[in-house]
Structure formats: structure tokens, C-alpha cells
Amino acid sequence: MYLSFVDFDEINRCKPDKQKILDSYIARIEYTHIDFSDEIFDLANEFITQGILKQKSFDDALHLASAMVSDCDAVVSWNFKHMVNIKTINGIKIVAALTGYKDVAIYTPTILTGGTDDDS
């Protein structure tokens, strides 16, 4: 599992009680930390330039770029508006093909664990 600088920034913006819960989860898993780099920044900008994501979703672009630069297999997200949707998924495939990065799959947590998104 990989966690990027963007993940930690998002956690740090949470309310203290939620932050404490998330920190306790992270403490129980083994992960590799992805640090910020110009390569990640440039790739995230490419997603914006290509119209895959809008500038206001730059953190989402950084998430995806971090995953691609780090050769991750998948990004897991509940963010249907900006990440887990056909426009973004297809756009990422195109940018990967054009830039030589490995394509990264984008899944919801339930799909990744064998459930469905409509589980009750």
C-alpha cells in the first residue's frame, strides 16, 4: 500500500477526532510514503491540461499522478465526482499511453474487496 503526501495533507485537515481515528488506522498498516516531486506535479498538470480534471480538483490530480509515478496498480476512492468515473478512468488511460507511465486502475473500496457499490 502507498500513501502520498496528499493523503497526509487531507488527514491533517480533518477535525481532530476524525484525524485521531485515521491516524490509528494508518499506524496498523504497512505502507510506503510517496513524497512530492516535480515529476508528480508535472503529470498532475497534464491531467488538468488535457481536461481530465479541473484546476479545482488539483489534489485529485496529484493523487492519480502520485500513483502513476510510483507504479501503483490501483487508486481506491469514494470520490465519484472527480475520480471514480468513466471520464477520469478513460483520461488516465490515454495519458498513460501518451506519456509511457503505467495505467492505474481506479476503484471504489467495495469493488476492490469483492462487494458491490450498492451493498446495504
Protein backbone atom coordinates (compact mmCIF):
# COMPACT_ATOMS: atom_id res chain seq x y z
CA MET A 1 0.00 0.00 0.00
CA TYR A 2 1.11 3.52 -0.77
CA LEU A 3 0.11 6.75 0.94
CA SER A 4 1.10 10.05 -0.59
CA PHE A 5 1.80 13.50 0.75
CA VAL A 6 -1.72 14.38 -0.45
CA ASP A 7 -3.26 11.69 1.78
CA PHE A 8 -1.48 13.04 4.83
CA ASP A 9 -2.41 16.63 3.96
CA GLU A 10 -6.08 15.61 3.72
CA ILE A 11 -5.90 13.81 7.06
CA ASN A 12 -4.29 16.85 8.67
CA ARG A 13 -7.24 18.98 7.52
CA CYS A 14 -9.76 16.71 9.29
CA LYS A 15 -11.31 17.55 12.62
CA PRO A 16 -9.13 16.28 15.48
CA ASP A 17 -11.42 13.37 16.41
CA LYS A 18 -11.54 12.05 12.85
CA GLN A 19 -7.81 12.69 12.45
CA LYS A 20 -7.12 10.53 15.51
CA ILE A 21 -9.19 7.65 14.09
CA LEU A 22 -7.46 7.84 10.70
CA ASP A 23 -4.03 8.03 12.32
CA SER A 24 -4.82 4.89 14.33
CA TYR A 25 -5.77 3.03 11.13
CA ILE A 26 -2.58 4.13 9.39
CA ALA A 27 -0.50 3.02 12.37
CA ARG A 28 -1.77 -0.54 11.88
CA ILE A 29 -0.80 -0.94 8.22
CA GLU A 30 2.45 -1.24 6.37
CA TYR A 31 2.77 1.40 3.68
CA THR A 32 5.26 3.23 1.53
CA HIS A 33 5.17 7.02 1.70
CA ILE A 34 5.15 8.82 -1.66
CA ASP A 35 6.89 12.20 -1.40
CA PHE A 36 6.13 15.20 -3.60
CA SER A 37 8.24 15.54 -6.74
CA ASP A 38 8.37 17.74 -9.84
CA GLU A 39 7.53 14.63 -11.87
CA ILE A 40 4.28 14.16 -9.94
CA PHE A 41 3.46 17.87 -10.20
CA ASP A 42 4.06 17.88 -13.97
CA LEU A 43 1.92 14.79 -14.54
CA ALA A 44 -0.89 16.25 -12.41
CA ASN A 45 -0.73 19.40 -14.54
CA GLU A 46 -1.02 17.21 -17.64
CA PHE A 47 -4.34 15.85 -16.32
CA ILE A 48 -5.55 19.44 -15.98
CA THR A 49 -4.20 20.49 -19.39
CA GLN A 50 -5.90 17.52 -21.07
CA GLY A 51 -9.22 18.40 -19.40
CA ILE A 52 -9.40 15.15 -17.44
CA LEU A 53 -9.73 17.09 -14.18
CA LYS A 54 -10.31 20.77 -13.46
CA GLN A 55 -7.85 23.00 -11.61
CA LYS A 56 -10.12 22.97 -8.53
CA SER A 57 -9.52 19.19 -8.37
CA PHE A 58 -5.75 19.51 -8.40
CA ASP A 59 -5.39 17.39 -5.23
CA ASP A 60 -7.19 14.56 -7.06
CA ALA A 61 -4.79 15.02 -9.98
CA LEU A 62 -1.89 14.80 -7.51
CA HIS A 63 -3.33 11.56 -6.07
CA LEU A 64 -3.51 10.00 -9.52
CA ALA A 65 -0.11 11.30 -10.61
CA SER A 66 1.48 10.01 -7.39
CA ALA A 67 0.06 6.57 -8.08
CA MET A 68 1.22 6.52 -11.71
CA VAL A 69 4.73 7.78 -10.97
CA SER A 70 5.05 5.19 -8.18
CA ASP A 71 3.84 2.31 -10.41
CA CYS A 72 0.80 1.62 -8.23
CA ASP A 73 -1.75 -0.83 -9.59
CA ALA A 74 -4.83 0.97 -8.31
CA VAL A 75 -6.21 4.02 -6.58
CA VAL A 76 -9.07 3.40 -4.16
CA SER A 77 -11.58 6.21 -3.70
CA TRP A 78 -15.19 7.07 -2.91
CA ASN A 79 -14.81 10.27 -4.95
CA PHE A 80 -17.30 9.59 -7.77
CA LYS A 81 -17.44 13.23 -8.84
CA HIS A 82 -13.78 13.57 -9.79
CA MET A 83 -12.04 10.20 -9.72
CA VAL A 84 -14.24 7.09 -9.94
CA ASN A 85 -16.00 7.97 -13.18
CA ILE A 86 -15.63 6.99 -16.82
CA LYS A 87 -14.20 10.36 -17.96
CA THR A 88 -11.34 10.23 -15.47
CA ILE A 89 -10.73 6.50 -15.89
CA ASN A 90 -10.52 6.78 -19.69
CA GLY A 91 -8.50 10.00 -19.50
CA ILE A 92 -5.92 8.38 -17.23
CA LYS A 93 -5.57 5.50 -19.71
CA ILE A 94 -4.93 7.96 -22.54
CA VAL A 95 -2.35 9.99 -20.59
CA ALA A 96 -0.62 6.77 -19.53
CA ALA A 97 -0.38 5.67 -23.17
CA LEU A 98 0.92 9.08 -24.29
CA THR A 99 3.46 9.53 -21.50
CA GLY A 100 4.72 5.97 -21.01
CA TYR A 101 3.50 5.67 -17.42
CA LYS A 102 1.75 2.51 -16.29
CA ASP A 103 -2.03 2.84 -16.32
CA VAL A 104 -3.54 2.89 -12.84
CA ALA A 105 -6.96 1.39 -12.17
CA ILE A 106 -9.44 3.43 -10.16
CA TYR A 107 -11.79 1.51 -7.87
CA THR A 108 -14.18 2.03 -5.00
CA PRO A 109 -13.26 0.17 -1.81
CA THR A 110 -16.23 -2.20 -2.12
CA ILE A 111 -15.34 -3.26 -5.65
CA LEU A 112 -11.76 -3.92 -4.60
CA THR A 113 -12.87 -6.13 -1.71
CA GLY A 114 -15.36 -8.12 -3.79
CA GLY A 115 -18.54 -6.31 -2.77
CA THR A 116 -20.73 -4.03 -4.82
CA ASP A 117 -21.27 -0.31 -4.52
CA ASP A 118 -24.95 -0.84 -3.70
CA ASP A 119 -24.35 -3.11 -0.68
CA SER A 120 -26.53 -2.16 2.27
